[in-house]
Amino acid sequence: MYTIDRDSFQTVDSIGQELGEIMKKLGRHVLAEFTNCDRTLLNSIEKIEKHLTESARQSGATIVKSVFHRYNPHGVSGVIVIAESHISIHTWPEYGYAAVDFFTCGESVDPMRACGYLRNALCAGEAQITEIARGIPSASDEILAHKPESAEIRTLEPAG
């Protein structure tokens, strides 16, 4: 069993910026709250898969694999693994709501293009977008290469 010592973690403020805000950036994480969406569309696994796949293409991502599931009585979840990370969606047709997660690494993919495409495809009346830089907290601000040519890979033993 693992226990979490909450005091050993840095805190995050309400908009997702890590205190200190300086890091070696590896990626962008865009969280989208889409509301007042087309409820019928949100309950269609075929349409959700089609639109999420197209949003990945619109962003310039390389699709590796996807998995989608329709819940009973309603709702769809799906994940597209991309070479640059992942895109996921969870829908609540009964509320006209979709939660979408666009996590991309490197400079070649634009998660905001995927987000804009999907907002239109879902006929979202409103959208709340939060972007979080993902990476290694550091004393210097920089962007790290997504896949460096060479890297030292070490195996560490679990703590405790």
Protein backbone atom coordinates (compact mmCIF):
# COMPACT_ATOMS: atom_id res chain seq x y z
CA MET A 1 0.00 0.00 0.00
CA TYR A 2 1.24 3.47 -0.88
CA THR A 3 0.62 6.54 1.21
CA ILE A 4 0.91 10.12 0.04
CA ASP A 5 2.52 12.76 2.21
CA ARG A 6 0.67 15.86 0.99
CA ASP A 7 3.25 18.15 2.60
CA SER A 8 5.95 16.78 0.28
CA PHE A 9 4.19 18.16 -2.83
CA GLN A 10 4.31 21.71 -4.12
CA THR A 11 0.91 23.35 -4.20
CA VAL A 12 -0.95 24.41 -7.31
CA ASP A 13 -3.14 27.49 -7.46
CA SER A 14 -6.70 27.52 -8.81
CA ILE A 15 -5.74 28.07 -12.46
CA GLY A 16 -3.13 25.35 -12.52
CA GLN A 17 0.08 27.36 -12.36
CA GLU A 18 2.70 25.83 -10.15
CA LEU A 19 4.01 28.22 -7.55
CA GLY A 20 7.34 29.48 -8.77
CA GLU A 21 6.21 28.95 -12.39
CA ILE A 22 9.77 28.25 -13.60
CA MET A 23 10.34 24.92 -15.30
CA LYS A 24 12.00 22.96 -18.02
CA LYS A 25 8.94 22.61 -20.23
CA LEU A 26 8.19 19.31 -21.90
CA GLY A 27 4.63 19.87 -23.01
CA ARG A 28 1.36 21.75 -23.05
CA HIS A 29 -1.76 20.50 -21.31
CA VAL A 30 -4.99 22.10 -22.46
CA LEU A 31 -8.13 21.35 -20.48
CA ALA A 32 -11.45 22.24 -22.10
CA GLU A 33 -14.87 22.42 -20.49
CA PHE A 34 -17.43 22.49 -23.32
CA THR A 35 -21.01 23.33 -22.32
CA ASN A 36 -24.35 23.66 -24.11
CA CYS A 37 -23.21 21.05 -26.65
CA ASP A 38 -25.39 19.02 -29.02
CA ARG A 39 -26.69 16.34 -26.63
CA THR A 40 -27.41 13.75 -29.33
CA LEU A 41 -23.89 14.10 -30.71
CA LEU A 42 -22.41 13.71 -27.20
CA ASN A 43 -24.10 10.31 -26.92
CA SER A 44 -22.86 8.96 -30.27
CA ILE A 45 -19.68 6.91 -29.97
CA GLU A 46 -19.22 7.02 -33.75
CA LYS A 47 -19.44 10.82 -33.96
CA ILE A 48 -17.29 11.40 -30.88
CA GLU A 49 -14.58 9.10 -32.27
CA LYS A 50 -14.79 10.79 -35.70
CA HIS A 51 -14.52 14.31 -34.26
CA LEU A 52 -11.80 13.53 -31.70
CA THR A 53 -9.76 11.80 -34.42
CA GLU A 54 -10.18 14.79 -36.73
CA SER A 55 -9.19 17.17 -33.91
CA ALA A 56 -5.94 15.20 -33.53
CA ARG A 57 -5.31 15.49 -37.27
CA GLN A 58 -6.11 19.22 -37.22
CA SER A 59 -3.50 19.72 -34.49
CA GLY A 60 -0.77 18.01 -36.52
CA ALA A 61 -0.54 15.05 -34.13
CA THR A 62 0.50 11.52 -35.11
CA ILE A 63 -2.21 9.04 -34.08
CA VAL A 64 -0.92 5.80 -32.54
CA LYS A 65 -4.07 4.11 -31.19
CA SER A 66 -7.55 4.96 -29.95
CA VAL A 67 -10.11 3.44 -27.60
CA PHE A 68 -13.72 4.58 -27.15
CA HIS A 69 -16.50 3.35 -24.88
CA ARG A 70 -20.23 4.15 -24.70
CA TYR A 71 -21.80 4.03 -21.26
CA ASN A 72 -25.28 2.80 -20.41
CA PRO A 73 -27.62 4.64 -20.34
CA HIS A 74 -25.62 7.50 -21.90
CA GLY A 75 -22.20 9.11 -22.27
CA VAL A 76 -19.00 8.39 -24.15
CA SER A 77 -15.34 8.31 -23.13
CA GLY A 78 -12.44 8.06 -25.50
CA VAL A 79 -8.68 8.33 -25.60
CA ILE A 80 -6.42 8.81 -28.59
CA VAL A 81 -2.80 8.04 -27.89
CA ILE A 82 -0.67 10.25 -30.10
CA ALA A 83 3.08 10.05 -30.62
CA GLU A 84 3.24 13.40 -28.83
CA SER A 85 1.09 12.27 -25.80
CA HIS A 86 -2.75 11.95 -25.73
CA ILE A 87 -6.17 13.48 -26.30
CA SER A 88 -9.17 12.34 -24.25
CA ILE A 89 -12.87 13.12 -23.92
CA HIS A 90 -15.63 12.32 -21.45
CA THR A 91 -19.21 13.32 -22.28
CA TRP A 92 -22.31 13.88 -20.20
CA PRO A 93 -25.13 14.21 -22.78
CA GLU A 94 -27.71 14.73 -20.04
CA TYR A 95 -25.94 18.00 -19.18
CA GLY A 96 -24.76 18.95 -22.69
CA TYR A 97 -21.22 18.83 -21.30
CA ALA A 98 -17.89 17.43 -22.49
CA ALA A 99 -14.56 17.45 -20.64
CA VAL A 100 -11.61 17.28 -23.02
CA ASP A 101 -7.91 16.89 -22.33
CA PHE A 102 -5.23 17.73 -24.93
CA PHE A 103 -1.72 16.87 -23.72
CA THR A 104 1.03 17.44 -26.27
CA CYS A 105 4.82 17.37 -26.15
CA GLY A 106 7.19 19.07 -28.53
CA GLU A 107 6.63 22.02 -30.83
CA SER A 108 5.06 20.31 -33.85
CA VAL A 109 1.52 19.90 -32.44
CA ASP A 110 -0.90 22.74 -31.69
CA PRO A 111 -3.43 21.63 -29.05
CA MET A 112 -5.37 24.89 -29.44
CA ARG A 113 -6.18 23.99 -33.08
CA ALA A 114 -7.55 20.64 -31.87
CA CYS A 115 -9.52 22.45 -29.18
CA GLY A 116 -11.01 24.97 -31.63
CA TYR A 117 -11.99 22.25 -34.10
CA LEU A 118 -13.66 20.17 -31.39
CA ARG A 119 -15.55 23.13 -29.92
CA ASN A 120 -17.13 23.74 -33.33
CA ALA A 121 -17.74 20.05 -34.02
CA LEU A 122 -19.57 19.57 -30.70
CA CYS A 123 -21.61 22.76 -31.27
CA ALA A 124 -20.46 23.98 -27.85
CA GLY A 125 -22.26 27.15 -26.84
CA GLU A 126 -19.55 27.97 -24.32
CA ALA A 127 -16.02 26.85 -23.60
CA GLN A 128 -13.67 27.34 -20.68
CA ILE A 129 -10.06 26.64 -21.64
CA THR A 130 -7.13 26.24 -19.24
CA GLU A 131 -3.58 25.71 -20.48
CA ILE A 132 -0.91 24.33 -18.18
CA ALA A 133 2.78 24.06 -18.99
CA ARG A 134 4.02 20.57 -18.07
CA GLY A 135 7.60 19.83 -17.16
CA ILE A 136 10.32 19.66 -14.56
CA PRO A 137 10.37 22.39 -11.90
CA SER A 138 13.66 24.20 -12.30
CA ALA A 139 15.66 27.31 -11.47
CA SER A 140 15.63 28.23 -15.17
CA ASP A 141 12.84 28.56 -17.73
CA GLU A 142 13.49 26.57 -20.92
CA ILE A 143 11.84 24.22 -23.37
CA LEU A 144 13.31 20.71 -23.48
CA ALA A 145 13.47 18.60 -26.63
CA HIS A 146 10.57 16.15 -26.85
CA LYS A 147 12.75 13.21 -27.94
CA PRO A 148 16.47 14.01 -27.64
CA GLU A 149 18.82 11.94 -29.77
CA SER A 150 20.52 10.47 -26.73
CA ALA A 151 19.52 10.31 -23.11
CA GLU A 152 20.76 8.54 -20.02
CA ILE A 153 18.08 6.16 -18.79
CA ARG A 154 18.45 4.95 -15.21
CA THR A 155 16.35 2.59 -13.13
CA LEU A 156 15.54 3.94 -9.68
CA GLU A 157 14.38 1.94 -6.71
CA PRO A 158 11.01 2.91 -5.18
CA ALA A 159 11.24 5.04 -2.06
CA GLY A 160 10.46 3.57 1.31
